């Protein structure tokens, strides 16, 4: 049998989290610089394009990356290196076949898509430039998920970090060289910089894949073409269809928000600016502490698939339970402290006081969405992507229904905020019920919610008092924020330990 775990799940997740923390910090600084260079209105136009990028990826690549990760893990568990290579070849072929009609449709209908679907003709250039970006991202992600599926976390993580440096340099460099431009060309420059960094990632990961397969070897019985096609399809179609429907709803949601704000009485520029502030500044700021989540899911899903392939249900429950504990221990204090420090952080970073509004409900929604994402990863890992898909679609429908209320008098952007909170809560509850049903996992509410929740509340309230006192005493925002964050972190760990929850139990570096 080929070896799957070069590192344990805990050490892999911590390594990924460490690199992702640097990457996320760089990405956040890049977003701050970008928002200051182009302004809130262009950020709103850019945010309109990002759901379109997600829709195109879900049409072509998302399901294939899930199949690559899941099947690579299973074939590796059975000592079938040839099956891994066959899966990669089939996924790349399917990606190329899927890109042709999708690209042709976008080129033929980019004008009505931008005007009637996105609601702003200034997205046309960026829409066309998204096509090479999507193609390169698909190649990159198939190879990246090969590595995660086979338990090798370092190469893709390092490449992703380098990608962030290249993206920041390319996008900001292009803007510095060619600004001022009109909003449409400015968005085009941003997407062009994204294409440049994707070229690097796709080439680097392809080279690293070939080196890794030379070590694994293409031994084993392989898989018959028809059987492999059915296995890839059984994973890719439900995951891709779910992603497509969800991303379509997200794209519709993004397009509706500025339109409904205009209906509520705002002019177009102010509506696009408010949309850019909430979705391009506030939510990314709250997402900053969730850096560990992607690493956790990337490590968790293939290991659950590995345990499922070997019929080890107790191991599945143990890994799922530890993942839930890790999310609670990390995300609850992060969101609590972000509510305290967020308004001042937003004002300093973005130069937009309104970026600190709605922090409490959005922070709660972000925490619930982390639970939803992790529980969804468990469902994917144990071979229940269809159930996960249905739950996510229900939540997307809830969010979309609330977005229609944005245009009502006196509601405005608060309708979107309320929808974000309600849909995240529904997603966490639905996915939790499905995980319990399919894995037999017994929820440990005290360890997962009560203990870290009480500790986070204590840390946030105390840090808030300290931060206000330091500000009133004339201490700078940066120094006061850092001191309050450090004090809150130490207090949180102490309160957590007093309730019998220790970080050493959450992140075990040994198997």
Protein backbone atom coordinates (compact mmCIF):
# COMPACT_ATOMS: atom_id res chain seq x y z
CA UNK A 1 0.00 0.00 0.00
CA UNK A 2 1.24 3.47 -0.85
CA UNK A 3 1.74 5.82 1.99
CA UNK A 4 -0.95 8.47 2.32
CA UNK A 5 -0.03 10.50 5.41
CA UNK A 6 3.40 11.98 5.08
CA UNK A 7 2.34 14.20 7.93
CA UNK A 8 -0.45 13.77 10.40
CA UNK A 9 -3.69 15.64 9.87
CA UNK A 10 -2.85 18.04 12.68
CA UNK A 11 0.64 18.92 11.49
CA UNK A 12 -0.55 19.23 7.88
CA UNK A 13 -3.36 21.56 8.92
CA UNK A 14 -1.00 23.65 11.05
CA UNK A 15 1.54 23.90 8.23
CA UNK A 16 -1.15 24.93 5.76
CA UNK A 17 -2.56 27.38 8.28
CA UNK A 18 0.84 28.97 8.86
CA UNK A 19 1.41 29.51 5.15
CA UNK A 20 -2.20 30.50 4.61
CA UNK A 21 -1.90 33.07 7.40
CA UNK A 22 0.96 34.73 5.53
CA UNK A 23 -0.99 34.42 2.28
CA UNK A 24 -4.18 35.80 3.82
CA UNK A 25 -2.29 38.67 5.40
CA UNK A 26 -0.70 39.50 2.07
CA UNK A 27 -4.08 39.16 0.33
CA UNK A 28 -5.68 41.49 2.85
CA UNK A 29 -2.93 44.10 2.45
CA UNK A 30 -3.34 43.75 -1.32
CA UNK A 31 -7.09 44.33 -1.01
CA UNK A 32 -6.50 47.41 1.16
CA UNK A 33 -4.04 48.83 -1.38
CA UNK A 34 -6.39 47.93 -4.23
CA UNK A 35 -9.38 49.61 -2.60
CA UNK A 36 -7.38 52.76 -1.97
CA UNK A 37 -6.10 52.85 -5.56
CA UNK A 38 -9.40 52.26 -7.33
CA UNK A 39 -12.08 53.38 -4.85
CA UNK A 40 -15.33 51.83 -3.63
CA UNK A 41 -17.19 52.07 -6.96
CA UNK A 42 -14.59 50.07 -8.92
CA UNK A 43 -14.42 47.60 -6.04
CA UNK A 44 -18.17 47.16 -6.50
CA UNK A 45 -17.70 46.43 -10.22
CA UNK A 46 -14.93 43.96 -9.39
CA UNK A 47 -17.21 42.25 -6.86
CA UNK A 48 -19.83 41.86 -9.60
CA UNK A 49 -17.35 39.88 -11.68
CA UNK A 50 -16.16 37.51 -8.97
CA UNK A 51 -19.42 35.50 -8.78
CA UNK A 52 -19.26 35.18 -12.59
CA UNK A 53 -15.78 33.71 -12.24
CA UNK A 54 -17.17 31.25 -9.70
CA UNK A 55 -20.02 30.31 -12.07
CA UNK A 56 -17.58 29.64 -14.91
CA UNK A 57 -15.39 27.54 -12.65
CA UNK A 58 -18.37 25.54 -11.40
CA UNK A 59 -19.37 24.85 -15.01
CA UNK A 60 -15.91 23.57 -15.90
CA UNK A 61 -13.63 22.71 -12.99
CA UNK A 62 -15.13 22.55 -9.49
CA UNK A 63 -16.58 19.06 -9.78
CA UNK A 64 -13.41 17.78 -11.44
CA UNK A 65 -11.21 19.06 -8.63
CA UNK A 66 -13.41 17.28 -6.08
CA UNK A 67 -13.15 14.06 -8.11
CA UNK A 68 -9.37 14.46 -8.37
CA UNK A 69 -8.95 14.87 -4.61
CA UNK A 70 -11.36 12.10 -3.62
CA UNK A 71 -10.27 9.47 -6.16
CA UNK A 72 -6.55 10.19 -5.72
CA UNK A 73 -6.94 9.51 -2.01
CA UNK A 74 -8.87 6.29 -2.62
CA UNK A 75 -6.53 4.94 -5.30
CA UNK A 76 -3.52 5.77 -3.15
CA UNK A 77 -5.06 3.89 -0.21
CA UNK A 78 -5.38 0.83 -2.47
CA UNK A 79 -1.84 1.10 -3.90
CA UNK A 80 -3.06 2.04 -7.38
CA UNK A 81 -0.73 4.76 -8.64
CA UNK A 82 -1.78 4.15 -12.22
CA UNK A 83 -5.37 4.95 -11.27
CA UNK A 84 -4.23 8.31 -9.88
CA UNK A 85 -2.53 9.21 -13.17
CA UNK A 86 -5.57 8.10 -15.17
CA UNK A 87 -7.84 10.26 -13.02
CA UNK A 88 -5.73 13.34 -13.60
CA UNK A 89 -5.67 12.78 -17.35
CA UNK A 90 -9.42 12.31 -17.52
CA UNK A 91 -10.08 15.42 -15.40
CA UNK A 92 -7.86 17.60 -17.62
CA UNK A 93 -9.56 16.26 -20.75
CA UNK A 94 -13.00 16.97 -19.31
CA UNK A 95 -11.86 20.49 -18.33
CA UNK A 96 -10.78 21.24 -21.91
CA UNK A 97 -14.00 19.86 -23.39
CA UNK A 98 -16.12 21.87 -20.96
CA UNK A 99 -14.25 25.13 -21.56
CA UNK A 100 -14.95 25.26 -25.30
CA UNK A 101 -18.73 25.80 -25.28
CA UNK A 102 -18.61 27.93 -22.14
CA UNK A 103 -15.99 30.28 -23.61
CA UNK A 104 -17.85 30.48 -26.92
CA UNK A 105 -21.07 31.44 -25.12
CA UNK A 106 -19.36 34.19 -23.10
CA UNK A 107 -17.64 35.66 -26.19
CA UNK A 108 -20.90 35.60 -28.15
CA UNK A 109 -23.09 37.09 -25.41
CA UNK A 110 -20.75 39.20 -23.29
CA UNK A 111 -22.74 42.36 -24.03
CA UNK A 112 -26.17 41.14 -22.82
CA UNK A 113 -24.52 39.30 -19.91
CA UNK A 114 -22.88 42.50 -18.68
CA UNK A 115 -25.84 44.81 -19.36
CA UNK A 116 -28.86 42.70 -18.48
CA UNK A 117 -27.52 40.08 -16.07
CA UNK A 118 -24.82 42.00 -14.20
CA UNK A 119 -26.61 45.31 -14.61
CA UNK A 120 -23.52 47.32 -15.59
CA UNK A 121 -21.93 47.54 -19.05
CA UNK A 122 -18.61 48.51 -17.49
CA UNK A 123 -17.96 44.83 -16.64
CA UNK A 124 -17.58 43.82 -20.32
CA UNK A 125 -13.79 43.93 -20.61
CA UNK A 126 -13.26 42.14 -17.33
CA UNK A 127 -15.78 39.47 -18.36
CA UNK A 128 -13.82 38.60 -21.52
CA UNK A 129 -10.51 38.57 -19.66
CA UNK A 130 -11.94 36.14 -17.10
CA UNK A 131 -11.90 33.31 -19.69
CA UNK A 132 -8.11 32.65 -19.72
CA UNK A 133 -8.10 33.16 -15.97
CA UNK A 134 -10.75 30.44 -15.52
CA UNK A 135 -8.92 28.01 -17.82
CA UNK A 136 -5.62 28.43 -15.98
CA UNK A 137 -7.32 28.25 -12.58
CA UNK A 138 -8.93 24.96 -13.58
CA UNK A 139 -5.57 23.42 -14.54
CA UNK A 140 -4.05 24.75 -11.33
CA UNK A 141 -6.82 23.41 -9.09
CA UNK A 142 -6.86 19.91 -10.61
CA UNK A 143 -3.13 19.54 -9.88
CA UNK A 144 -3.47 21.20 -6.49
CA UNK A 145 -6.17 18.75 -5.43
CA UNK A 146 -4.05 15.87 -6.61
CA UNK A 147 -1.52 16.91 -3.98
CA UNK A 148 -4.10 17.36 -1.26
CA UNK A 149 -5.74 14.05 -2.15
CA UNK A 150 -2.43 12.20 -1.90
CA UNK A 151 -1.57 13.77 1.45
CA UNK A 152 1.20 16.11 0.23
CA UNK A 153 0.52 19.62 1.47
CA UNK A 154 3.77 21.52 1.09
CA UNK A 155 4.19 22.03 -2.70
CA UNK A 156 0.72 23.46 -3.44
CA UNK A 157 0.77 25.58 -0.30
CA UNK A 158 4.11 27.16 -1.22
CA UNK A 159 2.96 27.73 -4.81
CA UNK A 160 -0.21 29.39 -3.55
CA UNK A 161 1.80 31.71 -1.33
CA UNK A 162 4.04 32.67 -4.24
CA UNK A 163 0.92 33.20 -6.33
CA UNK A 164 -0.29 35.80 -3.85
CA UNK A 165 2.97 37.75 -4.16
CA UNK A 166 2.80 37.61 -7.96
CA UNK A 167 -0.86 38.66 -8.01
CA UNK A 168 -0.26 41.62 -5.75
CA UNK A 169 2.78 42.72 -7.74
CA UNK A 170 1.07 42.23 -11.12
CA UNK A 171 -2.25 43.90 -10.31
CA UNK A 172 -0.88 46.80 -8.30
CA UNK A 173 1.98 47.27 -10.77
CA UNK A 174 -0.41 47.47 -13.72
CA UNK A 175 -2.62 49.94 -11.86
CA UNK A 176 0.29 52.16 -10.87
CA UNK A 177 1.59 52.14 -14.47
CA UNK A 178 -1.69 52.77 -16.28
CA UNK A 179 -4.00 54.66 -13.92
CA UNK A 180 -5.98 56.85 -14.26
CA UNK A 181 -8.38 54.93 -16.49
CA UNK A 182 -12.13 54.69 -16.75
CA UNK A 183 -13.78 52.10 -14.45
CA UNK A 184 -14.12 49.44 -17.17
CA UNK A 185 -10.44 49.52 -18.09
CA UNK A 186 -9.46 49.61 -14.43
CA UNK A 187 -11.38 46.38 -13.82
CA UNK A 188 -9.70 44.94 -16.93
CA UNK A 189 -6.27 45.74 -15.49
CA UNK A 190 -7.17 43.93 -12.27
CA UNK A 191 -8.26 40.79 -14.13
CA UNK A 192 -5.14 40.92 -16.36
CA UNK A 193 -2.98 40.81 -13.24
CA UNK A 194 -4.96 37.77 -12.07
CA UNK A 195 -4.24 36.02 -15.39
CA UNK A 196 -0.51 36.62 -14.96
CA UNK A 197 -0.41 34.96 -11.54
CA UNK A 198 -2.53 32.01 -12.74
CA UNK A 199 -0.02 31.31 -15.53
CA UNK A 200 2.67 30.87 -12.90
CA UNK A 201 0.54 28.61 -10.69
CA UNK A 202 -0.65 26.34 -13.49
CA UNK A 203 2.86 25.80 -14.87
CA UNK A 204 4.50 25.33 -11.45
CA UNK A 205 1.96 22.77 -10.22
CA UNK A 206 2.10 20.80 -13.47
CA UNK A 207 5.87 20.46 -13.12
CA UNK A 208 5.57 19.49 -9.46
CA UNK A 209 2.90 16.89 -10.32
CA UNK A 210 5.23 15.16 -12.76
CA UNK A 211 7.97 15.01 -10.14
CA UNK A 212 5.60 13.64 -7.52
CA UNK A 213 4.25 10.93 -9.82
CA UNK A 214 7.79 9.88 -10.61
CA UNK A 215 8.18 9.12 -6.88
CA UNK A 216 4.81 7.43 -6.47
CA UNK A 217 5.12 5.39 -9.63
CA UNK A 218 2.39 4.46 -12.08
CA UNK A 219 2.05 0.95 -10.72
CA UNK A 220 -1.12 -0.90 -9.90
CA UNK A 221 -4.02 -2.28 -11.92
CA UNK A 222 -5.30 1.10 -13.00
CA UNK A 223 -8.97 1.49 -13.81
CA UNK A 224 -11.02 0.68 -16.88
CA UNK A 225 -11.99 3.74 -18.87
CA UNK A 226 -15.72 3.30 -18.49
CA UNK A 227 -15.50 2.57 -14.78
CA UNK A 228 -13.24 5.58 -14.17
CA UNK A 229 -15.53 7.84 -16.19
CA UNK A 230 -18.49 6.74 -14.09
CA UNK A 231 -16.57 7.29 -10.85
CA UNK A 232 -15.42 10.76 -11.92
CA UNK A 233 -18.92 11.62 -13.10
CA UNK A 234 -20.56 10.39 -9.90
CA UNK A 235 -18.46 12.87 -7.91
CA UNK A 236 -18.02 15.72 -10.38
CA UNK A 237 -21.63 16.07 -11.54
CA UNK A 238 -23.33 16.52 -8.14
CA UNK A 239 -20.50 18.70 -6.79
CA UNK A 240 -20.34 20.75 -10.00
CA UNK A 241 -24.12 21.05 -10.26
CA UNK A 242 -24.35 22.17 -6.67
CA UNK A 243 -21.55 24.68 -7.13
CA UNK A 244 -23.17 25.91 -10.34
CA UNK A 245 -26.58 26.46 -8.80
CA UNK A 246 -25.08 28.02 -5.69
CA UNK A 247 -22.78 30.28 -7.67
CA UNK A 248 -25.59 31.26 -10.01
CA UNK A 249 -27.59 32.31 -6.98
CA UNK A 250 -24.55 34.20 -5.67
CA UNK A 251 -24.12 35.95 -9.02
CA UNK A 252 -27.80 36.88 -9.10
CA UNK A 253 -27.53 38.01 -5.51
CA UNK A 254 -24.51 40.18 -6.26
CA UNK A 255 -26.20 41.73 -9.29
CA UNK A 256 -29.41 42.38 -7.38
CA UNK A 257 -27.90 44.19 -4.40
CA UNK A 258 -26.90 47.43 -6.20
CA UNK A 259 -30.09 47.31 -8.29
CA UNK A 260 -32.28 46.97 -5.19
CA UNK A 261 -30.34 49.73 -3.45
CA UNK A 262 -31.17 51.98 -6.39
CA UNK A 263 -34.82 50.99 -6.00
CA UNK A 264 -34.66 52.00 -2.33
CA UNK A 265 -33.71 55.54 -3.35
CA UNK A 266 -29.91 55.58 -3.83
CA UNK A 267 -28.23 56.82 -6.99
CA UNK A 268 -26.26 54.23 -9.00
CA UNK A 269 -22.78 55.36 -7.91
CA UNK A 270 -23.71 55.40 -4.21
CA UNK A 271 -25.37 51.98 -4.50
CA UNK A 272 -22.30 50.46 -6.17
CA UNK A 273 -20.07 52.06 -3.53
CA UNK A 274 -22.12 50.63 -0.65
CA UNK A 275 -22.06 47.22 -2.30
CA UNK A 276 -18.29 47.51 -2.69
CA UNK A 277 -17.85 48.49 0.96
CA UNK A 278 -19.89 45.61 2.42
CA UNK A 279 -18.83 42.82 0.03
CA UNK A 280 -15.40 44.10 -0.93
CA UNK A 281 -14.21 45.44 2.43
CA UNK A 282 -16.25 44.40 5.49
CA UNK A 283 -16.73 40.74 4.63
CA UNK A 284 -13.09 40.22 3.50
CA UNK A 285 -11.95 41.86 6.74
CA UNK A 286 -14.07 39.42 8.76
CA UNK A 287 -12.76 36.55 6.65
CA UNK A 288 -9.18 37.37 7.65
CA UNK A 289 -9.24 35.25 10.87
CA UNK A 290 -10.76 32.27 9.00
CA UNK A 291 -7.46 31.58 7.30
CA UNK A 292 -7.24 28.14 8.91
CA UNK A 293 -10.54 26.93 7.46
CA UNK A 294 -9.35 26.24 3.93
CA UNK A 295 -6.33 24.37 5.24
CA UNK A 296 -8.49 22.32 7.59
CA UNK A 297 -10.92 21.29 4.85
CA UNK A 298 -8.20 20.52 2.34
CA UNK A 299 -6.59 18.15 4.83
CA UNK A 300 -9.83 16.79 6.28
CA UNK A 301 -11.72 15.75 3.13
CA UNK A 302 -9.12 13.40 1.59
CA UNK A 303 -8.39 11.83 4.98
CA UNK A 304 -12.07 11.16 5.55
CA UNK A 305 -12.25 9.65 2.06
CA UNK A 306 -9.20 7.53 2.93
CA UNK A 307 -10.80 6.29 6.17
CA UNK A 308 -14.11 5.68 4.39
CA UNK A 309 -12.39 3.64 1.64
CA UNK A 310 -10.84 1.42 4.33
CA UNK A 311 -14.18 1.15 6.21
CA UNK A 312 -13.05 2.82 9.44
CA UNK A 313 -16.17 4.59 10.75
CA UNK A 314 -14.73 5.26 14.19
CA UNK A 315 -11.77 7.03 12.62
CA UNK A 316 -14.17 9.12 10.52
CA UNK A 317 -16.08 10.23 13.64
CA UNK A 318 -12.87 11.01 15.51
CA UNK A 319 -11.51 13.18 12.72
CA UNK A 320 -14.83 14.96 12.17
CA UNK A 321 -15.20 15.69 15.88
CA UNK A 322 -11.69 17.08 16.15
CA UNK A 323 -12.31 19.30 13.13
CA UNK A 324 -15.44 20.75 14.73
CA UNK A 325 -13.58 21.44 17.95
CA UNK A 326 -10.79 23.16 16.03
CA UNK A 327 -13.28 25.42 14.25
CA UNK A 328 -14.94 26.42 17.50
CA UNK A 329 -11.70 27.06 19.37
CA UNK A 330 -10.33 29.26 16.60
CA UNK A 331 -13.29 31.01 15.02
CA UNK A 332 -15.37 32.06 18.05
CA UNK A 333 -12.68 34.22 19.72
CA UNK A 334 -11.61 35.58 16.34
CA UNK A 335 -15.09 36.84 15.52
CA UNK A 336 -15.67 38.13 19.05
CA UNK A 337 -12.45 40.16 18.99
CA UNK A 338 -13.15 41.35 15.45
CA UNK A 339 -16.42 42.89 16.64
CA UNK A 340 -14.43 44.86 19.22
CA UNK A 341 -11.55 45.97 17.01
CA UNK A 342 -13.23 45.89 13.59
CA UNK A 343 -14.69 49.42 13.37
CA UNK A 344 -11.36 51.09 14.06
CA UNK A 345 -9.51 48.58 11.90
CA UNK A 346 -11.82 49.28 8.96
CA UNK A 347 -11.43 53.04 9.30
CA UNK A 348 -7.63 52.82 9.41
CA UNK A 349 -7.21 50.21 6.68
CA UNK A 350 -9.81 51.22 4.10
CA UNK A 351 -10.39 54.86 4.93
CA UNK A 352 -14.11 54.04 4.90
CA UNK A 353 -15.90 54.46 8.26
CA UNK A 354 -18.94 52.61 6.88
CA UNK A 355 -16.81 49.46 6.44
CA UNK A 356 -17.18 48.90 10.18
CA UNK A 357 -20.97 48.83 10.11
CA UNK A 358 -23.03 45.65 10.62
CA UNK A 359 -20.05 43.90 12.18
CA UNK A 360 -21.95 42.01 14.89
CA UNK A 361 -24.47 40.20 12.65
CA UNK A 362 -21.89 39.63 9.91
CA UNK A 363 -19.37 38.24 12.42
CA UNK A 364 -21.99 35.82 13.73
CA UNK A 365 -22.80 34.84 10.14
CA UNK A 366 -19.11 34.28 9.40
CA UNK A 367 -18.75 31.97 12.42
CA UNK A 368 -21.83 29.96 11.40
CA UNK A 369 -20.59 29.73 7.82
CA UNK A 370 -17.35 28.21 9.11
CA UNK A 371 -19.35 25.47 10.83
CA UNK A 372 -21.38 25.03 7.66
CA UNK A 373 -18.24 24.72 5.53
CA UNK A 374 -16.51 22.22 7.82
CA UNK A 375 -19.61 20.04 8.15
CA UNK A 376 -20.00 20.19 4.38
CA UNK A 377 -16.41 19.01 4.03
CA UNK A 378 -17.22 16.05 6.26
CA UNK A 379 -20.16 15.15 4.02
CA UNK A 380 -17.96 15.36 0.93
CA UNK A 381 -15.29 13.23 2.58
CA UNK A 382 -17.69 10.42 3.46
CA UNK A 383 -19.20 10.33 -0.01
CA UNK A 384 -22.38 12.36 0.56
CA UNK A 385 -21.87 15.37 -1.74
CA UNK A 386 -25.47 15.25 -2.92
CA UNK A 387 -26.87 15.79 0.56
CA UNK A 388 -24.41 18.62 1.13
CA UNK A 389 -25.51 20.09 -2.20
CA UNK A 390 -29.18 20.18 -1.29
CA UNK A 391 -28.48 21.85 2.05
CA UNK A 392 -26.31 24.52 0.42
CA UNK A 393 -28.92 25.25 -2.23
CA UNK A 394 -31.57 25.76 0.44
CA UNK A 395 -29.29 28.27 2.17
CA UNK A 396 -28.55 30.09 -1.09
CA UNK A 397 -32.29 30.35 -1.69
CA UNK A 398 -32.77 31.88 1.75
CA UNK A 399 -30.07 34.46 1.07
CA UNK A 400 -31.57 35.34 -2.29
CA UNK A 401 -35.04 35.77 -0.79
CA UNK A 402 -33.68 38.23 1.78
CA UNK A 403 -31.83 40.18 -0.92
CA UNK A 404 -35.15 41.05 -2.54
CA UNK A 405 -36.01 42.95 0.63
CA UNK A 406 -33.07 45.34 0.08
CA UNK A 407 -35.24 47.44 -2.24
CA UNK A 408 -37.97 47.96 0.35
CA UNK A 409 -38.19 51.43 1.93
CA UNK A 410 -36.16 51.63 5.14
CA UNK A 411 -34.49 48.22 4.69
CA UNK A 412 -31.55 48.78 2.35
CA UNK A 413 -28.35 46.79 2.84
CA UNK A 414 -29.64 45.49 6.19
CA UNK A 415 -31.80 43.02 4.24
CA UNK A 416 -28.69 41.45 2.74
CA UNK A 417 -26.98 41.34 6.15
CA UNK A 418 -30.00 39.61 7.73
CA UNK A 419 -30.07 37.09 4.89
CA UNK A 420 -26.38 36.31 5.37
CA UNK A 421 -26.98 35.54 9.05
CA UNK A 422 -30.14 33.46 8.58
CA UNK A 423 -28.76 31.44 5.65
CA UNK A 424 -25.52 30.64 7.52
CA UNK A 425 -27.47 29.47 10.57
CA UNK A 426 -29.68 27.26 8.39
CA UNK A 427 -26.62 25.81 6.66
CA UNK A 428 -24.87 24.93 9.91
CA UNK A 429 -27.99 23.22 11.29
CA UNK A 430 -28.80 21.30 8.10
CA UNK A 431 -25.24 20.09 7.51
CA UNK A 432 -24.91 19.17 11.20
CA UNK A 433 -28.05 17.04 11.05
CA UNK A 434 -26.80 15.30 7.90
CA UNK A 435 -23.39 14.55 9.42
CA UNK A 436 -24.99 13.03 12.51
CA UNK A 437 -27.26 10.97 10.29
CA UNK A 438 -24.58 9.58 7.97
CA UNK A 439 -21.60 9.19 10.31
CA UNK A 440 -23.16 8.60 13.72
CA UNK A 441 -21.14 11.50 15.12
CA UNK A 442 -22.28 12.50 18.60
CA UNK A 443 -22.24 16.29 19.02
CA UNK A 444 -20.27 17.51 22.02
CA UNK A 445 -22.05 20.82 22.54
CA UNK A 446 -20.14 21.82 25.65
CA UNK A 447 -16.70 21.36 24.06
CA UNK A 448 -17.71 22.62 20.64
CA UNK A 449 -19.90 25.60 21.56
CA UNK A 450 -20.38 26.38 25.26
CA UNK A 451 -16.78 26.35 26.51
CA UNK A 452 -15.16 28.28 23.62
CA UNK A 453 -18.22 30.56 23.36
CA UNK A 454 -18.11 31.62 27.01
CA UNK A 455 -14.34 32.07 26.88
CA UNK A 456 -14.64 34.17 23.69
CA UNK A 457 -17.37 36.34 25.24
CA UNK A 458 -15.25 37.00 28.33
CA UNK A 459 -12.21 37.85 26.21
CA UNK A 460 -14.19 40.18 23.94
CA UNK A 461 -15.92 42.11 26.72
CA UNK A 462 -12.71 42.57 28.69
CA UNK A 463 -10.71 43.52 25.58
CA UNK A 464 -13.36 46.06 24.65
CA UNK A 465 -13.02 47.77 28.04
CA UNK A 466 -9.24 47.78 27.77
CA UNK A 467 -9.28 49.07 24.21
CA UNK A 468 -11.67 51.93 25.06
CA UNK A 469 -9.57 52.89 28.09
CA UNK A 470 -6.34 52.89 26.07
CA UNK A 471 -7.95 55.05 23.36
CA UNK A 472 -9.24 57.52 25.95
CA UNK A 473 -5.74 57.63 27.49
CA UNK A 474 -4.24 58.77 24.20
CA UNK A 475 -2.67 55.47 23.11
CA UNK A 476 -2.55 55.05 19.33
CA UNK A 477 -5.08 52.78 17.66
CA UNK A 478 -2.37 50.39 16.46
CA UNK A 479 -0.73 50.02 19.87
CA UNK A 480 -4.03 49.89 21.73
CA UNK A 481 -5.46 47.33 19.33
CA UNK A 482 -2.38 45.11 19.53
CA UNK A 483 -2.34 45.26 23.34
CA UNK A 484 -6.06 44.50 23.58
CA UNK A 485 -5.74 41.62 21.13
CA UNK A 486 -2.85 40.11 23.06
CA UNK A 487 -4.63 40.50 26.38
CA UNK A 488 -7.84 39.03 24.95
CA UNK A 489 -5.98 36.08 23.49
CA UNK A 490 -4.26 35.20 26.75
CA UNK A 491 -7.50 35.59 28.70
CA UNK A 492 -9.32 33.38 26.18
CA UNK A 493 -6.77 30.58 26.49
CA UNK A 494 -6.91 30.77 30.28
CA UNK A 495 -10.73 30.65 30.31
CA UNK A 496 -10.71 27.78 27.83
CA UNK A 497 -8.25 25.78 29.92
CA UNK A 498 -10.30 26.44 33.06
CA UNK A 499 -13.20 24.65 31.37
CA UNK A 500 -11.09 21.62 30.49
CA UNK A 501 -10.43 22.35 26.81
CA UNK A 502 -6.75 22.45 25.88
CA UNK A 503 -5.17 23.36 22.55
CA UNK A 504 -2.91 20.32 22.80
CA UNK A 505 -6.02 18.16 22.51
CA UNK A 506 -7.18 19.99 19.42
CA UNK A 507 -3.95 20.10 17.41
CA UNK A 508 -2.10 16.87 17.97
CA UNK A 509 0.98 16.80 15.83
CA UNK A 510 1.30 13.05 16.14
CA UNK A 511 -1.09 10.44 14.79
